[in-house]
Amino acid sequence: MSLPLLASACLMLVTLGYSVKCWLSPFGDCRKCDGMGHELKTDRKGRLKRGKDCRRCHATGKRIRVGRWIYNRAARTYRAGTR
């Protein structure tokens, strides 16, 4: 088996796997707040306390995956073009 064929097969496998993941689970944890929905801060004594609500995920703790966002945009464009 040649090296370019193996590389393209691996790339196709990774792409297919990510597509299935976006289909089954379109939302992932927010990267800024780690899925908590708010920032964690420490006070002067070193104890953890709840900070402000996360602005990136609007305090839900979830974000839409990049692959699902691309799919939604393509589907919306297709539907708008066939009307």
PDB file of N, CA and C in Angstrom:
ATOM      1  N   MET A   1       0.845  -1.169   0.000  1.00  0.00           N
ATOM      2  CA  MET A   1       0.000   0.000   0.000  1.00  0.00           C
ATOM      3  C   MET A   1       0.894   1.238   0.000  1.00  0.00           C
ATOM      4  N   SER A   2       0.604   2.181  -0.853  1.00  0.00           N
ATOM      5  CA  SER A   2       1.456   3.359  -0.961  1.00  0.00           C
ATOM      6  C   SER A   2       1.120   4.366   0.145  1.00  0.00           C
ATOM      7  N   LEU A   3       2.061   5.231   0.414  1.00  0.00           N
ATOM      8  CA  LEU A   3       1.920   6.214   1.489  1.00  0.00           C
ATOM      9  C   LEU A   3       0.807   7.233   1.209  1.00  0.00           C
ATOM     10  N   PRO A   4       0.672   7.803   0.005  1.00  0.00           N
ATOM     11  CA  PRO A   4      -0.438   8.742  -0.224  1.00  0.00           C
ATOM     12  C   PRO A   4      -1.813   8.088  -0.081  1.00  0.00           C
ATOM     13  N   LEU A   5      -1.921   6.843  -0.476  1.00  0.00           N
ATOM     14  CA  LEU A   5      -3.197   6.140  -0.331  1.00  0.00           C
ATOM     15  C   LEU A   5      -3.531   5.920   1.141  1.00  0.00           C
ATOM     16  N   LEU A   6      -2.529   5.574   1.932  1.00  0.00           N
ATOM     17  CA  LEU A   6      -2.731   5.376   3.361  1.00  0.00           C
ATOM     18  C   LEU A   6      -3.096   6.696   4.049  1.00  0.00           C
ATOM     19  N   ALA A   7      -2.423   7.771   3.659  1.00  0.00           N
ATOM     20  CA  ALA A   7      -2.710   9.078   4.253  1.00  0.00           C
ATOM     21  C   ALA A   7      -4.121   9.539   3.913  1.00  0.00           C
ATOM     22  N   SER A   8      -4.544   9.340   2.677  1.00  0.00           N
ATOM     23  CA  SER A   8      -5.897   9.760   2.308  1.00  0.00           C
ATOM     24  C   SER A   8      -6.950   8.886   2.990  1.00  0.00           C
ATOM     25  N   ALA A   9      -6.663   7.605   3.178  1.00  0.00           N
ATOM     26  CA  ALA A   9      -7.593   6.720   3.888  1.00  0.00           C
ATOM     27  C   ALA A   9      -7.738   7.159   5.346  1.00  0.00           C
ATOM     28  N   CYS A  10      -6.636   7.525   5.990  1.00  0.00           N
ATOM     29  CA  CYS A  10      -6.696   7.999   7.376  1.00  0.00           C
ATOM     30  C   CYS A  10      -7.459   9.317   7.474  1.00  0.00           C
ATOM     31  N   LEU A  11      -7.238  10.204   6.513  1.00  0.00           N
ATOM     32  CA  LEU A  11      -7.944  11.481   6.498  1.00  0.00           C
ATOM     33  C   LEU A  11      -9.449  11.277   6.314  1.00  0.00           C
ATOM     34  N   MET A  12      -9.815  10.364   5.444  1.00  0.00           N
ATOM     35  CA  MET A  12     -11.235  10.068   5.234  1.00  0.00           C
ATOM     36  C   MET A  12     -11.861   9.456   6.489  1.00  0.00           C
ATOM     37  N   LEU A  13     -11.120   8.604   7.189  1.00  0.00           N
ATOM     38  CA  LEU A  13     -11.612   7.985   8.417  1.00  0.00           C
ATOM     39  C   LEU A  13     -11.849   9.034   9.507  1.00  0.00           C
ATOM     40  N   VAL A  14     -10.914   9.958   9.656  1.00  0.00           N
ATOM     41  CA  VAL A  14     -11.057  11.016  10.658  1.00  0.00           C
ATOM     42  C   VAL A  14     -12.236  11.918  10.309  1.00  0.00           C
ATOM     43  N   THR A  15     -12.372  12.279   9.034  1.00  0.00           N
ATOM     44  CA  THR A  15     -13.471  13.134   8.597  1.00  0.00           C
ATOM     45  C   THR A  15     -14.814  12.454   8.811  1.00  0.00           C
ATOM     46  N   LEU A  16     -14.911  11.196   8.482  1.00  0.00           N
ATOM     47  CA  LEU A  16     -16.148  10.452   8.679  1.00  0.00           C
ATOM     48  C   LEU A  16     -16.488  10.336  10.168  1.00  0.00           C
ATOM     49  N   GLY A  17     -15.483  10.093  10.978  1.00  0.00           N
ATOM     50  CA  GLY A  17     -15.698   9.997  12.428  1.00  0.00           C
ATOM     51  C   GLY A  17     -16.198  11.305  13.024  1.00  0.00           C
ATOM     52  N   TYR A  18     -15.618  12.423  12.585  1.00  0.00           N
ATOM     53  CA  TYR A  18     -16.052  13.730  13.083  1.00  0.00           C
ATOM     54  C   TYR A  18     -17.463  14.048  12.598  1.00  0.00           C
ATOM     55  N   SER A  19     -17.783  13.658  11.370  1.00  0.00           N
ATOM     56  CA  SER A  19     -19.132  13.885  10.845  1.00  0.00           C
ATOM     57  C   SER A  19     -20.167  13.116  11.655  1.00  0.00           C
ATOM     58  N   VAL A  20     -19.856  11.885  12.009  1.00  0.00           N
ATOM     59  CA  VAL A  20     -20.772  11.089  12.823  1.00  0.00           C
ATOM     60  C   VAL A  20     -20.915  11.705  14.208  1.00  0.00           C
ATOM     61  N   LYS A  21     -19.824  12.193  14.777  1.00  0.00           N
ATOM     62  CA  LYS A  21     -19.880  12.820  16.096  1.00  0.00           C
ATOM     63  C   LYS A  21     -20.739  14.076  16.071  1.00  0.00           C
ATOM     64  N   CYS A  22     -20.610  14.890  15.001  1.00  0.00           N
ATOM     65  CA  CYS A  22     -21.433  16.099  14.876  1.00  0.00           C
ATOM     66  C   CYS A  22     -22.901  15.753  14.664  1.00  0.00           C
ATOM     67  N   TRP A  23     -23.176  14.637  14.024  1.00  0.00           N
ATOM     68  CA  TRP A  23     -24.554  14.214  13.786  1.00  0.00           C
ATOM     69  C   TRP A  23     -25.194  13.712  15.080  1.00  0.00           C
ATOM     70  N   LEU A  24     -24.455  12.909  15.839  1.00  0.00           N
ATOM     71  CA  LEU A  24     -25.001  12.331  17.059  1.00  0.00           C
ATOM     72  C   LEU A  24     -25.021  13.310  18.234  1.00  0.00           C
ATOM     73  N   SER A  25     -23.998  14.155  18.313  1.00  0.00           N
ATOM     74  CA  SER A  25     -23.896  15.101  19.418  1.00  0.00           C
ATOM     75  C   SER A  25     -23.510  16.468  18.868  1.00  0.00           C
ATOM     76  N   PRO A  26     -24.489  17.276  18.443  1.00  0.00           N
ATOM     77  CA  PRO A  26     -24.162  18.553  17.802  1.00  0.00           C
ATOM     78  C   PRO A  26     -23.604  19.608  18.758  1.00  0.00           C
ATOM     79  N   PHE A  27     -23.785  19.430  20.051  1.00  0.00           N
ATOM     80  CA  PHE A  27     -23.289  20.405  21.007  1.00  0.00           C
ATOM     81  C   PHE A  27     -22.164  19.805  21.841  1.00  0.00           C
ATOM     82  N   GLY A  28     -21.148  20.617  22.114  1.00  0.00           N
ATOM     83  CA  GLY A  28     -20.039  20.217  22.967  1.00  0.00           C
ATOM     84  C   GLY A  28     -19.925  21.184  24.128  1.00  0.00           C
ATOM     85  N   ASP A  29     -19.038  20.903  25.052  1.00  0.00           N
ATOM     86  CA  ASP A  29     -18.828  21.798  26.188  1.00  0.00           C
ATOM     87  C   ASP A  29     -18.163  23.090  25.727  1.00  0.00           C
ATOM     88  N   CYS A  30     -18.550  24.176  26.356  1.00  0.00           N
ATOM     89  CA  CYS A  30     -17.944  25.477  26.072  1.00  0.00           C
ATOM     90  C   CYS A  30     -16.473  25.426  26.474  1.00  0.00           C
ATOM     91  N   ARG A  31     -15.612  25.953  25.622  1.00  0.00           N
ATOM     92  CA  ARG A  31     -14.177  25.900  25.907  1.00  0.00           C
ATOM     93  C   ARG A  31     -13.758  26.944  26.923  1.00  0.00           C
ATOM     94  N   LYS A  32     -14.509  28.022  27.035  1.00  0.00           N
ATOM     95  CA  LYS A  32     -14.121  29.086  27.959  1.00  0.00           C
ATOM     96  C   LYS A  32     -14.424  28.722  29.412  1.00  0.00           C
ATOM     97  N   CYS A  33     -15.614  28.174  29.642  1.00  0.00           N
ATOM     98  CA  CYS A  33     -16.017  27.867  31.023  1.00  0.00           C
ATOM     99  C   CYS A  33     -15.979  26.364  31.322  1.00  0.00           C
ATOM    100  N   ASP A  34     -15.490  25.556  30.401  1.00  0.00           N
ATOM    101  CA  ASP A  34     -15.401  24.101  30.555  1.00  0.00           C
ATOM    102  C   ASP A  34     -16.755  23.453  30.832  1.00  0.00           C
ATOM    103  N   GLY A  35     -17.814  24.006  30.258  1.00  0.00           N
ATOM    104  CA  GLY A  35     -19.136  23.428  30.392  1.00  0.00           C
ATOM    105  C   GLY A  35     -19.848  23.758  31.687  1.00  0.00           C
ATOM    106  N   MET A  36     -19.297  24.647  32.485  1.00  0.00           N
ATOM    107  CA  MET A  36     -19.916  24.995  33.764  1.00  0.00           C
ATOM    108  C   MET A  36     -20.971  26.092  33.618  1.00  0.00           C
ATOM    109  N   GLY A  37     -20.839  26.951  32.623  1.00  0.00           N
ATOM    110  CA  GLY A  37     -21.787  28.042  32.436  1.00  0.00           C
ATOM    111  C   GLY A  37     -21.396  29.312  33.151  1.00  0.00           C
ATOM    112  N   HIS A  38     -20.354  29.252  33.953  1.00  0.00           N
ATOM    113  CA  HIS A  38     -19.877  30.439  34.663  1.00  0.00           C
ATOM    114  C   HIS A  38     -18.392  30.284  34.932  1.00  0.00           C
ATOM    115  N   GLU A  39     -17.755  31.395  35.190  1.00  0.00           N
ATOM    116  CA  GLU A  39     -16.333  31.371  35.499  1.00  0.00           C
ATOM    117  C   GLU A  39     -16.139  30.950  36.958  1.00  0.00           C
ATOM    118  N   LEU A  40     -15.031  30.287  37.219  1.00  0.00           N
ATOM    119  CA  LEU A  40     -14.685  29.960  38.595  1.00  0.00           C
ATOM    120  C   LEU A  40     -13.557  30.890  39.025  1.00  0.00           C
ATOM    121  N   LYS A  41     -13.759  31.559  40.131  1.00  0.00           N
ATOM    122  CA  LYS A  41     -12.754  32.487  40.644  1.00  0.00           C
ATOM    123  C   LYS A  41     -12.394  32.087  42.061  1.00  0.00           C
ATOM    124  N   THR A  42     -11.277  32.591  42.508  1.00  0.00           N
ATOM    125  CA  THR A  42     -10.868  32.360  43.892  1.00  0.00           C
ATOM    126  C   THR A  42     -10.876  33.693  44.630  1.00  0.00           C
ATOM    127  N   ASP A  43     -11.234  33.626  45.903  1.00  0.00           N
ATOM    128  CA  ASP A  43     -11.166  34.848  46.699  1.00  0.00           C
ATOM    129  C   ASP A  43      -9.760  34.995  47.267  1.00  0.00           C
ATOM    130  N   ARG A  44      -9.571  35.968  48.134  1.00  0.00           N
ATOM    131  CA  ARG A  44      -8.228  36.233  48.657  1.00  0.00           C
ATOM    132  C   ARG A  44      -7.696  35.097  49.529  1.00  0.00           C
ATOM    133  N   LYS A  45      -8.581  34.306  50.086  1.00  0.00           N
ATOM    134  CA  LYS A  45      -8.162  33.186  50.939  1.00  0.00           C
ATOM    135  C   LYS A  45      -7.911  31.918  50.130  1.00  0.00           C
ATOM    136  N   GLY A  46      -8.176  31.960  48.807  1.00  0.00           N
ATOM    137  CA  GLY A  46      -7.919  30.802  47.963  1.00  0.00           C
ATOM    138  C   GLY A  46      -9.100  29.881  47.783  1.00  0.00           C
ATOM    139  N   ARG A  47     -10.247  30.258  48.327  1.00  0.00           N
ATOM    140  CA  ARG A  47     -11.445  29.432  48.183  1.00  0.00           C
ATOM    141  C   ARG A  47     -12.112  29.714  46.841  1.00  0.00           C
ATOM    142  N   LEU A  48     -12.669  28.670  46.246  1.00  0.00           N
ATOM    143  CA  LEU A  48     -13.353  28.832  44.974  1.00  0.00           C
ATOM    144  C   LEU A  48     -14.722  29.462  45.191  1.00  0.00           C
ATOM    145  N   LYS A  49     -15.072  30.360  44.282  1.00  0.00           N
ATOM    146  CA  LYS A  49     -16.414  30.916  44.303  1.00  0.00           C
ATOM    147  C   LYS A  49     -16.881  31.088  42.868  1.00  0.00           C
ATOM    148  N   ARG A  50     -18.180  31.186  42.709  1.00  0.00           N
ATOM    149  CA  ARG A  50     -18.766  31.293  41.383  1.00  0.00           C
ATOM    150  C   ARG A  50     -18.584  32.717  40.872  1.00  0.00           C
ATOM    151  N   GLY A  51     -18.110  32.820  39.636  1.00  0.00           N
ATOM    152  CA  GLY A  51     -17.933  34.123  39.014  1.00  0.00           C
ATOM    153  C   GLY A  51     -19.133  34.493  38.167  1.00  0.00           C
ATOM    154  N   LYS A  52     -18.900  35.374  37.203  1.00  0.00           N
ATOM    155  CA  LYS A  52     -19.969  35.825  36.322  1.00  0.00           C
ATOM    156  C   LYS A  52     -20.379  34.722  35.355  1.00  0.00           C
ATOM    157  N   ASP A  53     -21.578  34.878  34.788  1.00  0.00           N
ATOM    158  CA  ASP A  53     -22.033  33.948  33.759  1.00  0.00           C
ATOM    159  C   ASP A  53     -21.136  34.065  32.532  1.00  0.00           C
ATOM    160  N   CYS A  54     -20.929  32.959  31.853  1.00  0.00           N
ATOM    161  CA  CYS A  54     -20.075  32.917  30.670  1.00  0.00           C
ATOM    162  C   CYS A  54     -20.758  33.671  29.526  1.00  0.00           C
ATOM    163  N   ARG A  55     -20.021  34.579  28.892  1.00  0.00           N
ATOM    164  CA  ARG A  55     -20.593  35.353  27.793  1.00  0.00           C
ATOM    165  C   ARG A  55     -20.574  34.572  26.494  1.00  0.00           C
ATOM    166  N   ARG A  56     -19.665  33.643  26.350  1.00  0.00           N
ATOM    167  CA  ARG A  56     -19.562  32.897  25.094  1.00  0.00           C
ATOM    168  C   ARG A  56     -20.732  31.940  24.903  1.00  0.00           C
ATOM    169  N   CYS A  57     -21.116  31.228  25.950  1.00  0.00           N
ATOM    170  CA  CYS A  57     -22.202  30.241  25.822  1.00  0.00           C
ATOM    171  C   CYS A  57     -23.504  30.729  26.440  1.00  0.00           C
ATOM    172  N   HIS A  58     -23.539  31.968  26.932  1.00  0.00           N
ATOM    173  CA  HIS A  58     -24.732  32.543  27.571  1.00  0.00           C
ATOM    174  C   HIS A  58     -25.204  31.704  28.743  1.00  0.00           C
ATOM    175  N   ALA A  59     -24.262  31.216  29.516  1.00  0.00           N
ATOM    176  CA  ALA A  59     -24.488  30.466  30.760  1.00  0.00           C
ATOM    177  C   ALA A  59     -25.156  29.113  30.552  1.00  0.00           C
ATOM    178  N   THR A  60     -25.105  28.564  29.344  1.00  0.00           N
ATOM    179  CA  THR A  60     -25.659  27.228  29.120  1.00  0.00           C
ATOM    180  C   THR A  60     -24.606  26.150  29.318  1.00  0.00           C
ATOM    181  N   GLY A  61     -23.338  26.487  29.110  1.00  0.00           N
ATOM    182  CA  GLY A  61     -22.267  25.513  29.219  1.00  0.00           C
ATOM    183  C   GLY A  61     -22.052  24.725  27.944  1.00  0.00           C
ATOM    184  N   LYS A  62     -22.845  24.990  26.908  1.00  0.00           N
ATOM    185  CA  LYS A  62     -22.751  24.257  25.651  1.00  0.00           C
ATOM    186  C   LYS A  62     -22.437  25.195  24.498  1.00  0.00           C
ATOM    187  N   ARG A  63     -21.823  24.663  23.469  1.00  0.00           N
ATOM    188  CA  ARG A  63     -21.549  25.390  22.237  1.00  0.00           C
ATOM    189  C   ARG A  63     -21.811  24.453  21.074  1.00  0.00           C
ATOM    190  N   ILE A  64     -22.097  25.019  19.915  1.00  0.00           N
ATOM    191  CA  ILE A  64     -22.341  24.189  18.743  1.00  0.00           C
ATOM    192  C   ILE A  64     -20.990  23.831  18.129  1.00  0.00           C
ATOM    193  N   ARG A  65     -20.845  22.596  17.712  1.00  0.00           N
ATOM    194  CA  ARG A  65     -19.584  22.155  17.111  1.00  0.00           C
ATOM    195  C   ARG A  65     -19.397  22.803  15.748  1.00  0.00           C
ATOM    196  N   VAL A  66     -18.140  22.959  15.332  1.00  0.00           N
ATOM    197  CA  VAL A  66     -17.815  23.614  14.072  1.00  0.00           C
ATOM    198  C   VAL A  66     -18.417  22.859  12.891  1.00  0.00           C
ATOM    199  N   GLY A  67     -18.324  21.552  12.895  1.00  0.00           N
ATOM    200  CA  GLY A  67     -18.874  20.754  11.801  1.00  0.00           C
ATOM    201  C   GLY A  67     -20.378  20.886  11.704  1.00  0.00           C
ATOM    202  N   ARG A  68     -21.060  20.948  12.830  1.00  0.00           N
ATOM    203  CA  ARG A  68     -22.513  21.108  12.814  1.00  0.00           C
ATOM    204  C   ARG A  68     -22.893  22.508  12.349  1.00  0.00           C
ATOM    205  N   TRP A  69     -22.090  23.518  12.737  1.00  0.00           N
ATOM    206  CA  TRP A  69     -22.343  24.882  12.289  1.00  0.00           C
ATOM    207  C   TRP A  69     -22.224  24.978  10.772  1.00  0.00           C
ATOM    208  N   ILE A  70     -21.205  24.327  10.200  1.00  0.00           N
ATOM    209  CA  ILE A  70     -21.022  24.319   8.745  1.00  0.00           C
ATOM    210  C   ILE A  70     -22.189  23.611   8.070  1.00  0.00           C
ATOM    211  N   TYR A  71     -22.625  22.481   8.622  1.00  0.00           N
ATOM    212  CA  TYR A  71     -23.761  21.759   8.062  1.00  0.00           C
ATOM    213  C   TYR A  71     -25.032  22.605   8.112  1.00  0.00           C
ATOM    214  N   ASN A  72     -25.291  23.256   9.254  1.00  0.00           N
ATOM    215  CA  ASN A  72     -26.482  24.094   9.374  1.00  0.00           C
ATOM    216  C   ASN A  72     -26.460  25.240   8.373  1.00  0.00           C
ATOM    217  N   ARG A  73     -25.299  25.851   8.186  1.00  0.00           N
ATOM    218  CA  ARG A  73     -25.183  26.956   7.235  1.00  0.00           C
ATOM    219  C   ARG A  73     -25.430  26.470   5.817  1.00  0.00           C
ATOM    220  N   ALA A  74     -24.867  25.322   5.443  1.00  0.00           N
ATOM    221  CA  ALA A  74     -25.066  24.776   4.098  1.00  0.00           C
ATOM    222  C   ALA A  74     -26.524  24.391   3.873  1.00  0.00           C
ATOM    223  N   ALA A  75     -27.163  23.784   4.862  1.00  0.00           N
ATOM    224  CA  ALA A  75     -28.564  23.391   4.720  1.00  0.00           C
ATOM    225  C   ALA A  75     -29.462  24.621   4.598  1.00  0.00           C
ATOM    226  N   ARG A  76     -29.170  25.669   5.361  1.00  0.00           N
ATOM    227  CA  ARG A  76     -29.956  26.897   5.286  1.00  0.00           C
ATOM    228  C   ARG A  76     -29.808  27.556   3.920  1.00  0.00           C
ATOM    229  N   THR A  77     -28.590  27.561   3.378  1.00  0.00           N
ATOM    230  CA  THR A  77     -28.357  28.128   2.051  1.00  0.00           C
ATOM    231  C   THR A  77     -29.064  27.317   0.979  1.00  0.00           C
ATOM    232  N   TYR A  78     -29.040  26.009   1.104  1.00  0.00           N
ATOM    233  CA  TYR A  78     -29.711  25.147   0.135  1.00  0.00           C
ATOM    234  C   TYR A  78     -31.226  25.370   0.161  1.00  0.00           C
ATOM    235  N   ARG A  79     -31.791  25.430   1.368  1.00  0.00           N
ATOM    236  CA  ARG A  79     -33.245  25.653   1.486  1.00  0.00           C
ATOM    237  C   ARG A  79     -33.637  27.015   0.936  1.00  0.00           C
ATOM    238  N   ALA A  80     -32.818  28.024   1.163  1.00  0.00           N
ATOM    239  CA  ALA A  80     -33.123  29.364   0.676  1.00  0.00           C
ATOM    240  C   ALA A  80     -33.032  29.425  -0.852  1.00  0.00           C
ATOM    241  N   GLY A  81     -32.178  28.606  -1.438  1.00  0.00           N
ATOM    242  CA  GLY A  81     -32.005  28.626  -2.889  1.00  0.00           C
ATOM    243  C   GLY A  81     -33.054  27.822  -3.638  1.00  0.00           C
ATOM    244  N   THR A  82     -33.768  26.934  -2.967  1.00  0.00           N
ATOM    245  CA  THR A  82     -34.749  26.099  -3.635  1.00  0.00           C
ATOM    246  C   THR A  82     -36.177  26.612  -3.444  1.00  0.00           C
ATOM    247  N   ARG A  83     -36.347  27.755  -2.868  1.00  0.00           N
ATOM    248  CA  ARG A  83     -37.699  28.304  -2.653  1.00  0.00           C
ATOM    249  C   ARG A  83     -38.184  29.026  -3.867  1.00  0.00           C
TER     250      ARG A  83
END
